[in-house]
Amino acid sequence: MNTIIALYRDHPAFLTTVACLFGLAIGSFLNVVAIRIPQGQSIVRPPSRCPHCEHRLGPADLIPVASYLFLRGKCRYCRAPVSPMYAAGEAAAGALFAVTAWKLGFSPELAVGLLFVSILLVITLTDLSRMIIPDKVVFFGMAAAFVLRLFIHPLPLWNYALAFFAGSGLLLMIGLLGTAVLRKESMGGGDVKLFAFIGLVLGVKLTLLSVFAASLFGTLFGVIQLARGRFRRNEPIPFGPFIAAGAFCAYFWGDRILDLYFALIFR
């Protein structure tokens, strides 16, 4: 056992590779969660099937990246086209798990990090496909993060407790302000709840940074869409992916970003 731990600790590339493979394996399950939870379906039953011919998928079919490449995006049984989102979700899980292992190493915080990126990936997929951030996913993330933070907390516990309210409260204020200015709902309840989960993982300082980063990413996207003539005033834009991107950047590079910012301000 000690030899295995030493191998993970002393060879970061090995740990990163294992995490990537684990992410690819669990990515199929995260796809199922993202598809079924918004539809009110069980994530356990029925077993995964082709949406066209309803043939039960075998073990090889549950690796979307491999099957998508080898079968050229078609079902093995009925040859109907399969959405590339399945393979994209799994590939994203592999990449996110690899980055998380690379940044955190073989440490207790790795468990928190893998939970964090898994929840962010699921809500990104659901918000892009159905414009919803499911409460069940966010509440599960909150509960799991709460338990983990009781035992794994680089910051004082009060910091995470305060961040639980700070991020969601700030986003709620932004949403109310946007609603008053635009005279329509500008922030969904799922976005606000998601920041409560993010606060449990990041702590106060990085949670506030993630709010700023998410707003920045969303604004840049809107400006680009406007410049390309694709912006429609009454068309809703899913904010979940920008929240996920901002939280991801804050978690892994937030301290460095803040140090650079303050160095430029107070030099």
C-alpha atoms as a PDB file:
ATOM      1  CA  MET A   1       0.000   0.000   0.000  1.00  0.00           C
ATOM      2  CA  ASN A   2       2.814   2.390   0.892  1.00  0.00           C
ATOM      3  CA  THR A   3       4.465   1.598  -2.433  1.00  0.00           C
ATOM      4  CA  ILE A   4       1.299   2.565  -4.327  1.00  0.00           C
ATOM      5  CA  ILE A   5       0.957   5.813  -2.362  1.00  0.00           C
ATOM      6  CA  ALA A   6       4.610   6.650  -3.030  1.00  0.00           C
ATOM      7  CA  LEU A   7       4.107   5.937  -6.734  1.00  0.00           C
ATOM      8  CA  TYR A   8       1.189   8.362  -6.907  1.00  0.00           C
ATOM      9  CA  ARG A   9       2.991  11.007  -4.874  1.00  0.00           C
ATOM     10  CA  ASP A  10       6.389  10.835  -6.547  1.00  0.00           C
ATOM     11  CA  HIS A  11       5.184  10.509 -10.148  1.00  0.00           C
ATOM     12  CA  PRO A  12       2.589  13.220 -10.907  1.00  0.00           C
ATOM     13  CA  ALA A  13       2.271  12.099 -14.536  1.00  0.00           C
ATOM     14  CA  PHE A  14       1.154   8.651 -13.390  1.00  0.00           C
ATOM     15  CA  LEU A  15      -1.469  10.105 -11.060  1.00  0.00           C
ATOM     16  CA  THR A  16      -2.678  12.456 -13.795  1.00  0.00           C
ATOM     17  CA  THR A  17      -3.007   9.575 -16.255  1.00  0.00           C
ATOM     18  CA  VAL A  18      -4.938   7.427 -13.783  1.00  0.00           C
ATOM     19  CA  ALA A  19      -7.239  10.356 -12.968  1.00  0.00           C
ATOM     20  CA  CYS A  20      -7.843  10.970 -16.671  1.00  0.00           C
ATOM     21  CA  LEU A  21      -8.801   7.321 -17.249  1.00  0.00           C
ATOM     22  CA  PHE A  22     -11.029   7.408 -14.185  1.00  0.00           C
ATOM     23  CA  GLY A  23     -12.674  10.560 -15.519  1.00  0.00           C
ATOM     24  CA  LEU A  24     -13.311   8.920 -18.879  1.00  0.00           C
ATOM     25  CA  ALA A  25     -14.887   5.959 -17.084  1.00  0.00           C
ATOM     26  CA  ILE A  26     -17.114   8.034 -14.803  1.00  0.00           C
ATOM     27  CA  GLY A  27     -17.916  10.506 -17.594  1.00  0.00           C
ATOM     28  CA  SER A  28     -20.513   8.096 -18.976  1.00  0.00           C
ATOM     29  CA  PHE A  29     -22.306   8.126 -15.610  1.00  0.00           C
ATOM     30  CA  LEU A  30     -22.142  11.929 -15.428  1.00  0.00           C
ATOM     31  CA  ASN A  31     -23.766  12.034 -18.870  1.00  0.00           C
ATOM     32  CA  VAL A  32     -26.583   9.858 -17.560  1.00  0.00           C
ATOM     33  CA  VAL A  33     -27.049  12.167 -14.560  1.00  0.00           C
ATOM     34  CA  ALA A  34     -27.148  15.234 -16.830  1.00  0.00           C
ATOM     35  CA  ILE A  35     -29.734  13.634 -19.124  1.00  0.00           C
ATOM     36  CA  ARG A  36     -32.037  11.888 -16.665  1.00  0.00           C
ATOM     37  CA  ILE A  37     -32.191  14.159 -13.624  1.00  0.00           C
ATOM     38  CA  PRO A  38     -33.807  17.097 -15.496  1.00  0.00           C
ATOM     39  CA  GLN A  39     -36.385  14.637 -16.860  1.00  0.00           C
ATOM     40  CA  GLY A  40     -37.211  13.311 -13.389  1.00  0.00           C
ATOM     41  CA  GLN A  41     -35.897   9.840 -14.225  1.00  0.00           C
ATOM     42  CA  SER A  42     -33.864   7.409 -12.155  1.00  0.00           C
ATOM     43  CA  ILE A  43     -30.139   7.387 -12.801  1.00  0.00           C
ATOM     44  CA  VAL A  44     -30.052   3.647 -12.055  1.00  0.00           C
ATOM     45  CA  ARG A  45     -32.994   2.176 -13.931  1.00  0.00           C
ATOM     46  CA  PRO A  46     -33.587   1.408 -16.700  1.00  0.00           C
ATOM     47  CA  PRO A  47     -30.099   0.504 -17.947  1.00  0.00           C
ATOM     48  CA  SER A  48     -28.647   2.717 -20.658  1.00  0.00           C
ATOM     49  CA  ARG A  49     -30.192   2.168 -24.089  1.00  0.00           C
ATOM     50  CA  CYS A  50     -29.939   3.577 -27.583  1.00  0.00           C
ATOM     51  CA  PRO A  51     -32.464   6.455 -27.808  1.00  0.00           C
ATOM     52  CA  HIS A  52     -33.446   5.281 -31.314  1.00  0.00           C
ATOM     53  CA  CYS A  53     -33.704   1.482 -31.285  1.00  0.00           C
ATOM     54  CA  GLU A  54     -33.765   1.134 -27.455  1.00  0.00           C
ATOM     55  CA  HIS A  55     -31.201  -1.665 -27.583  1.00  0.00           C
ATOM     56  CA  ARG A  56     -29.502  -2.087 -24.220  1.00  0.00           C
ATOM     57  CA  LEU A  57     -25.936  -0.825 -24.408  1.00  0.00           C
ATOM     58  CA  GLY A  58     -23.071  -3.185 -23.682  1.00  0.00           C
ATOM     59  CA  PRO A  59     -19.902  -2.358 -21.715  1.00  0.00           C
ATOM     60  CA  ALA A  60     -18.066  -1.238 -24.864  1.00  0.00           C
ATOM     61  CA  ASP A  61     -20.903   1.118 -25.768  1.00  0.00           C
ATOM     62  CA  LEU A  62     -20.620   2.864 -22.407  1.00  0.00           C
ATOM     63  CA  ILE A  63     -17.295   4.387 -23.429  1.00  0.00           C
ATOM     64  CA  PRO A  64     -18.669   7.142 -25.697  1.00  0.00           C
ATOM     65  CA  VAL A  65     -15.313   8.534 -26.803  1.00  0.00           C
ATOM     66  CA  ALA A  66     -14.076   5.170 -28.098  1.00  0.00           C
ATOM     67  CA  SER A  67     -17.377   4.055 -29.558  1.00  0.00           C
ATOM     68  CA  TYR A  68     -17.999   7.449 -31.145  1.00  0.00           C
ATOM     69  CA  LEU A  69     -14.630   7.424 -32.883  1.00  0.00           C
ATOM     70  CA  PHE A  70     -14.733   3.798 -34.028  1.00  0.00           C
ATOM     71  CA  LEU A  71     -18.371   3.854 -35.120  1.00  0.00           C
ATOM     72  CA  ARG A  72     -18.206   7.369 -36.576  1.00  0.00           C
ATOM     73  CA  GLY A  73     -20.960   8.722 -34.400  1.00  0.00           C
ATOM     74  CA  LYS A  74     -23.511   5.975 -35.066  1.00  0.00           C
ATOM     75  CA  CYS A  75     -25.274   3.378 -32.930  1.00  0.00           C
ATOM     76  CA  ARG A  76     -23.607  -0.028 -33.123  1.00  0.00           C
ATOM     77  CA  TYR A  77     -26.977  -1.748 -33.553  1.00  0.00           C
ATOM     78  CA  CYS A  78     -29.254   0.468 -35.658  1.00  0.00           C
ATOM     79  CA  ARG A  79     -26.617   2.793 -37.175  1.00  0.00           C
ATOM     80  CA  ALA A  80     -28.658   5.857 -36.194  1.00  0.00           C
ATOM     81  CA  PRO A  81     -26.591   8.994 -35.527  1.00  0.00           C
ATOM     82  CA  VAL A  82     -25.524   9.544 -31.920  1.00  0.00           C
ATOM     83  CA  SER A  83     -25.166  13.042 -30.489  1.00  0.00           C
ATOM     84  CA  PRO A  84     -21.508  14.087 -30.115  1.00  0.00           C
ATOM     85  CA  MET A  85     -22.465  15.532 -26.705  1.00  0.00           C
ATOM     86  CA  TYR A  86     -22.093  12.052 -25.178  1.00  0.00           C
ATOM     87  CA  ALA A  87     -18.469  11.779 -26.243  1.00  0.00           C
ATOM     88  CA  ALA A  88     -17.833  15.446 -25.463  1.00  0.00           C
ATOM     89  CA  GLY A  89     -19.119  15.020 -21.905  1.00  0.00           C
ATOM     90  CA  GLU A  90     -16.908  12.028 -21.274  1.00  0.00           C
ATOM     91  CA  ALA A  91     -13.846  13.679 -22.821  1.00  0.00           C
ATOM     92  CA  ALA A  92     -14.452  16.758 -20.684  1.00  0.00           C
ATOM     93  CA  ALA A  93     -14.649  14.579 -17.554  1.00  0.00           C
ATOM     94  CA  GLY A  94     -11.328  12.959 -18.410  1.00  0.00           C
ATOM     95  CA  ALA A  95      -9.672  16.334 -18.992  1.00  0.00           C
ATOM     96  CA  LEU A  96     -11.127  17.875 -15.812  1.00  0.00           C
ATOM     97  CA  PHE A  97     -10.070  14.924 -13.661  1.00  0.00           C
ATOM     98  CA  ALA A  98      -6.576  15.060 -15.151  1.00  0.00           C
ATOM     99  CA  VAL A  99      -6.168  18.786 -14.437  1.00  0.00           C
ATOM    100  CA  THR A 100      -7.510  18.312 -10.912  1.00  0.00           C
ATOM    101  CA  ALA A 101      -5.013  15.543 -10.153  1.00  0.00           C
ATOM    102  CA  TRP A 102      -2.177  17.519 -11.732  1.00  0.00           C
ATOM    103  CA  LYS A 103      -2.919  20.609  -9.645  1.00  0.00           C
ATOM    104  CA  LEU A 104      -3.776  18.966  -6.307  1.00  0.00           C
ATOM    105  CA  GLY A 105      -1.593  15.876  -6.358  1.00  0.00           C
ATOM    106  CA  PHE A 106      -2.203  12.864  -4.143  1.00  0.00           C
ATOM    107  CA  SER A 107      -3.756  14.746  -1.244  1.00  0.00           C
ATOM    108  CA  PRO A 108      -7.046  14.703   0.717  1.00  0.00           C
ATOM    109  CA  GLU A 109      -8.127  17.816  -1.202  1.00  0.00           C
ATOM    110  CA  LEU A 110      -8.173  15.705  -4.370  1.00  0.00           C
ATOM    111  CA  ALA A 111     -11.462  14.142  -3.218  1.00  0.00           C
ATOM    112  CA  VAL A 112     -12.992  17.615  -2.891  1.00  0.00           C
ATOM    113  CA  GLY A 113     -11.607  18.660  -6.261  1.00  0.00           C
ATOM    114  CA  LEU A 114     -13.004  15.656  -8.118  1.00  0.00           C
ATOM    115  CA  LEU A 115     -16.437  16.218  -6.569  1.00  0.00           C
ATOM    116  CA  PHE A 116     -16.217  19.892  -7.491  1.00  0.00           C
ATOM    117  CA  VAL A 117     -15.421  19.417 -11.185  1.00  0.00           C
ATOM    118  CA  SER A 118     -17.993  16.596 -11.479  1.00  0.00           C
ATOM    119  CA  ILE A 119     -20.826  18.822 -10.248  1.00  0.00           C
ATOM    120  CA  LEU A 120     -19.661  21.709 -12.428  1.00  0.00           C
ATOM    121  CA  LEU A 121     -19.592  19.463 -15.496  1.00  0.00           C
ATOM    122  CA  VAL A 122     -23.086  18.076 -14.867  1.00  0.00           C
ATOM    123  CA  ILE A 123     -24.677  21.507 -14.382  1.00  0.00           C
ATOM    124  CA  THR A 124     -22.891  22.777 -17.500  1.00  0.00           C
ATOM    125  CA  LEU A 125     -24.369  19.951 -19.567  1.00  0.00           C
ATOM    126  CA  THR A 126     -27.876  20.418 -18.155  1.00  0.00           C
ATOM    127  CA  ASP A 127     -27.816  24.185 -18.583  1.00  0.00           C
ATOM    128  CA  LEU A 128     -26.579  23.953 -22.165  1.00  0.00           C
ATOM    129  CA  SER A 129     -29.086  21.283 -23.167  1.00  0.00           C
ATOM    130  CA  ARG A 130     -32.180  22.237 -21.145  1.00  0.00           C
ATOM    131  CA  MET A 131     -31.488  25.669 -19.610  1.00  0.00           C
ATOM    132  CA  ILE A 132     -31.762  24.276 -16.090  1.00  0.00           C
ATOM    133  CA  ILE A 133     -29.497  23.676 -13.106  1.00  0.00           C
ATOM    134  CA  PRO A 134     -31.208  20.795 -11.269  1.00  0.00           C
ATOM    135  CA  ASP A 135     -31.729  21.223  -7.538  1.00  0.00           C
ATOM    136  CA  LYS A 136     -31.036  17.521  -6.961  1.00  0.00           C
ATOM    137  CA  VAL A 137     -27.542  17.849  -8.419  1.00  0.00           C
ATOM    138  CA  VAL A 138     -26.726  21.042  -6.524  1.00  0.00           C
ATOM    139  CA  PHE A 139     -28.130  19.778  -3.212  1.00  0.00           C
ATOM    140  CA  PHE A 140     -26.166  16.544  -3.539  1.00  0.00           C
ATOM    141  CA  GLY A 141     -23.045  18.621  -4.171  1.00  0.00           C
ATOM    142  CA  MET A 142     -23.779  20.752  -1.091  1.00  0.00           C
ATOM    143  CA  ALA A 143     -24.274  17.725   1.150  1.00  0.00           C
ATOM    144  CA  ALA A 144     -21.153  15.945  -0.116  1.00  0.00           C
ATOM    145  CA  ALA A 145     -19.025  19.099   0.102  1.00  0.00           C
ATOM    146  CA  PHE A 146     -20.293  19.790   3.634  1.00  0.00           C
ATOM    147  CA  VAL A 147     -19.252  16.320   4.815  1.00  0.00           C
ATOM    148  CA  LEU A 148     -15.864  16.484   3.097  1.00  0.00           C
ATOM    149  CA  ARG A 149     -15.121  19.955   4.446  1.00  0.00           C
ATOM    150  CA  LEU A 150     -15.693  18.734   8.010  1.00  0.00           C
ATOM    151  CA  PHE A 151     -12.550  16.633   7.593  1.00  0.00           C
ATOM    152  CA  ILE A 152     -10.674  18.410   4.782  1.00  0.00           C
ATOM    153  CA  HIS A 153     -10.474  22.169   5.287  1.00  0.00           C
ATOM    154  CA  PRO A 154      -7.329  24.147   4.376  1.00  0.00           C
ATOM    155  CA  LEU A 155      -9.241  27.213   5.599  1.00  0.00           C
ATOM    156  CA  PRO A 156     -11.103  27.614   8.916  1.00  0.00           C
ATOM    157  CA  LEU A 157     -14.571  26.088   8.863  1.00  0.00           C
ATOM    158  CA  TRP A 158     -16.184  29.472   9.503  1.00  0.00           C
ATOM    159  CA  ASN A 159     -14.687  30.685   6.205  1.00  0.00           C
ATOM    160  CA  TYR A 160     -16.529  28.034   4.204  1.00  0.00           C
ATOM    161  CA  ALA A 161     -19.725  28.649   6.177  1.00  0.00           C
ATOM    162  CA  LEU A 162     -19.541  32.365   5.407  1.00  0.00           C
ATOM    163  CA  ALA A 163     -18.778  31.664   1.742  1.00  0.00           C
ATOM    164  CA  PHE A 164     -21.863  29.448   1.577  1.00  0.00           C
ATOM    165  CA  PHE A 165     -23.957  32.611   2.004  1.00  0.00           C
ATOM    166  CA  ALA A 166     -21.612  35.224   0.496  1.00  0.00           C
ATOM    167  CA  GLY A 167     -21.438  33.954  -3.074  1.00  0.00           C
ATOM    168  CA  SER A 168     -25.110  33.147  -3.425  1.00  0.00           C
ATOM    169  CA  GLY A 169     -26.080  36.418  -1.704  1.00  0.00           C
ATOM    170  CA  LEU A 170     -23.912  38.491  -4.019  1.00  0.00           C
ATOM    171  CA  LEU A 171     -25.274  36.741  -7.099  1.00  0.00           C
ATOM    172  CA  LEU A 172     -28.812  37.244  -5.825  1.00  0.00           C
ATOM    173  CA  MET A 173     -28.138  40.986  -5.503  1.00  0.00           C
ATOM    174  CA  ILE A 174     -26.737  41.058  -9.049  1.00  0.00           C
ATOM    175  CA  GLY A 175     -29.796  39.199 -10.290  1.00  0.00           C
ATOM    176  CA  LEU A 176     -32.199  41.587  -8.563  1.00  0.00           C
ATOM    177  CA  LEU A 177     -30.334  44.566  -9.986  1.00  0.00           C
ATOM    178  CA  GLY A 178     -30.405  43.044 -13.468  1.00  0.00           C
ATOM    179  CA  THR A 179     -34.116  42.341 -13.160  1.00  0.00           C
ATOM    180  CA  ALA A 180     -34.776  45.944 -12.141  1.00  0.00           C
ATOM    181  CA  VAL A 181     -32.736  47.344 -15.052  1.00  0.00           C
ATOM    182  CA  LEU A 182     -33.887  44.915 -17.755  1.00  0.00           C
ATOM    183  CA  ARG A 183     -37.422  44.552 -16.378  1.00  0.00           C
ATOM    184  CA  LYS A 184     -37.269  40.781 -16.689  1.00  0.00           C
ATOM    185  CA  GLU A 185     -35.762  37.926 -14.695  1.00  0.00           C
ATOM    186  CA  SER A 186     -32.020  38.009 -15.296  1.00  0.00           C
ATOM    187  CA  MET A 187     -30.794  35.317 -12.899  1.00  0.00           C
ATOM    188  CA  GLY A 188     -32.211  31.878 -12.262  1.00  0.00           C
ATOM    189  CA  GLY A 189     -32.602  30.356  -8.819  1.00  0.00           C
ATOM    190  CA  GLY A 190     -30.352  27.483  -9.831  1.00  0.00           C
ATOM    191  CA  ASP A 191     -27.464  29.888 -10.415  1.00  0.00           C
ATOM    192  CA  VAL A 192     -27.856  31.322  -6.908  1.00  0.00           C
ATOM    193  CA  LYS A 193     -28.026  27.882  -5.263  1.00  0.00           C
ATOM    194  CA  LEU A 194     -25.000  26.736  -7.235  1.00  0.00           C
ATOM    195  CA  PHE A 195     -22.897  29.470  -5.651  1.00  0.00           C
ATOM    196  CA  ALA A 196     -23.800  28.173  -2.200  1.00  0.00           C
ATOM    197  CA  PHE A 197     -22.164  24.871  -3.212  1.00  0.00           C
ATOM    198  CA  ILE A 198     -19.194  26.714  -4.710  1.00  0.00           C
ATOM    199  CA  GLY A 199     -18.740  28.632  -1.461  1.00  0.00           C
ATOM    200  CA  LEU A 200     -18.402  25.383   0.499  1.00  0.00           C
ATOM    201  CA  VAL A 201     -15.509  24.398  -1.747  1.00  0.00           C
ATOM    202  CA  LEU A 202     -13.682  27.685  -2.351  1.00  0.00           C
ATOM    203  CA  GLY A 203     -14.046  29.772   0.789  1.00  0.00           C
ATOM    204  CA  VAL A 204     -14.912  33.470   0.846  1.00  0.00           C
ATOM    205  CA  LYS A 205     -12.039  35.028  -1.098  1.00  0.00           C
ATOM    206  CA  LEU A 206     -12.074  32.661  -4.059  1.00  0.00           C
ATOM    207  CA  THR A 207     -15.871  32.503  -4.156  1.00  0.00           C
ATOM    208  CA  LEU A 208     -16.078  36.269  -4.613  1.00  0.00           C
ATOM    209  CA  LEU A 209     -13.403  36.009  -7.291  1.00  0.00           C
ATOM    210  CA  SER A 210     -15.413  33.310  -9.051  1.00  0.00           C
ATOM    211  CA  VAL A 211     -18.478  35.592  -9.106  1.00  0.00           C
ATOM    212  CA  PHE A 212     -16.396  38.266 -10.816  1.00  0.00           C
ATOM    213  CA  ALA A 213     -14.844  35.765 -13.231  1.00  0.00           C
ATOM    214  CA  ALA A 214     -18.229  34.284 -14.165  1.00  0.00           C
ATOM    215  CA  SER A 215     -19.623  37.761 -14.815  1.00  0.00           C
ATOM    216  CA  LEU A 216     -16.574  38.630 -16.895  1.00  0.00           C
ATOM    217  CA  PHE A 217     -16.813  35.476 -18.997  1.00  0.00           C
ATOM    218  CA  GLY A 218     -20.538  35.999 -19.519  1.00  0.00           C
ATOM    219  CA  THR A 219     -20.015  39.624 -20.520  1.00  0.00           C
ATOM    220  CA  LEU A 220     -17.252  38.749 -22.977  1.00  0.00           C
ATOM    221  CA  PHE A 221     -19.463  36.087 -24.539  1.00  0.00           C
ATOM    222  CA  GLY A 222     -22.295  38.599 -24.903  1.00  0.00           C
ATOM    223  CA  VAL A 223     -19.997  41.172 -26.501  1.00  0.00           C
ATOM    224  CA  ILE A 224     -18.673  38.590 -28.971  1.00  0.00           C
ATOM    225  CA  GLN A 225     -22.189  37.468 -29.855  1.00  0.00           C
ATOM    226  CA  LEU A 226     -23.231  41.090 -30.306  1.00  0.00           C
ATOM    227  CA  ALA A 227     -20.262  41.770 -32.590  1.00  0.00           C
ATOM    228  CA  ARG A 228     -21.135  38.708 -34.680  1.00  0.00           C
ATOM    229  CA  GLY A 229     -24.738  39.818 -34.951  1.00  0.00           C
ATOM    230  CA  ARG A 230     -26.017  36.775 -33.089  1.00  0.00           C
ATOM    231  CA  PHE A 231     -27.276  38.507 -29.966  1.00  0.00           C
ATOM    232  CA  ARG A 232     -31.039  38.523 -29.500  1.00  0.00           C
ATOM    233  CA  ARG A 233     -32.402  40.727 -26.752  1.00  0.00           C
ATOM    234  CA  ASN A 234     -35.099  38.349 -25.526  1.00  0.00           C
ATOM    235  CA  GLU A 235     -33.147  35.136 -25.976  1.00  0.00           C
ATOM    236  CA  PRO A 236     -32.045  33.639 -22.626  1.00  0.00           C
ATOM    237  CA  ILE A 237     -28.385  32.712 -22.222  1.00  0.00           C
ATOM    238  CA  PRO A 238     -27.400  29.819 -19.929  1.00  0.00           C
ATOM    239  CA  PHE A 239     -25.192  31.294 -17.220  1.00  0.00           C
ATOM    240  CA  GLY A 240     -24.219  27.949 -15.669  1.00  0.00           C
ATOM    241  CA  PRO A 241     -21.254  27.307 -17.991  1.00  0.00           C
ATOM    242  CA  PHE A 242     -19.797  30.734 -17.147  1.00  0.00           C
ATOM    243  CA  ILE A 243     -20.249  30.070 -13.430  1.00  0.00           C
ATOM    244  CA  ALA A 244     -18.494  26.716 -13.864  1.00  0.00           C
ATOM    245  CA  ALA A 245     -15.627  28.309 -15.799  1.00  0.00           C
ATOM    246  CA  GLY A 246     -15.217  31.083 -13.238  1.00  0.00           C
ATOM    247  CA  ALA A 247     -15.315  28.665 -10.286  1.00  0.00           C
ATOM    248  CA  PHE A 248     -12.855  26.305 -11.980  1.00  0.00           C
ATOM    249  CA  CYS A 249     -10.360  29.093 -12.634  1.00  0.00           C
ATOM    250  CA  ALA A 250     -10.760  30.491  -9.117  1.00  0.00           C
ATOM    251  CA  TYR A 251     -10.238  27.089  -7.502  1.00  0.00           C
ATOM    252  CA  PHE A 252      -7.006  26.276  -9.297  1.00  0.00           C
ATOM    253  CA  TRP A 253      -5.493  29.664 -10.136  1.00  0.00           C
ATOM    254  CA  GLY A 254      -7.386  32.131  -7.942  1.00  0.00           C
ATOM    255  CA  ASP A 255      -4.610  32.818  -5.437  1.00  0.00           C
ATOM    256  CA  ARG A 256      -2.127  33.481  -8.225  1.00  0.00           C
ATOM    257  CA  ILE A 257      -4.581  35.783 -10.011  1.00  0.00           C
ATOM    258  CA  LEU A 258      -5.231  37.772  -6.837  1.00  0.00           C
ATOM    259  CA  ASP A 259      -1.507  38.035  -6.034  1.00  0.00           C
ATOM    260  CA  LEU A 260      -0.853  39.365  -9.532  1.00  0.00           C
ATOM    261  CA  TYR A 261      -3.751  41.803  -9.271  1.00  0.00           C
ATOM    262  CA  PHE A 262      -2.658  43.251  -5.946  1.00  0.00           C
ATOM    263  CA  ALA A 263       0.966  43.395  -7.117  1.00  0.00           C
ATOM    264  CA  LEU A 264      -0.134  45.555 -10.065  1.00  0.00           C
ATOM    265  CA  ILE A 265      -2.383  47.767  -7.904  1.00  0.00           C
ATOM    266  CA  PHE A 266       0.062  48.416  -5.054  1.00  0.00           C
ATOM    267  CA  ARG A 267       3.375  48.395  -6.824  1.00  0.00           C
END
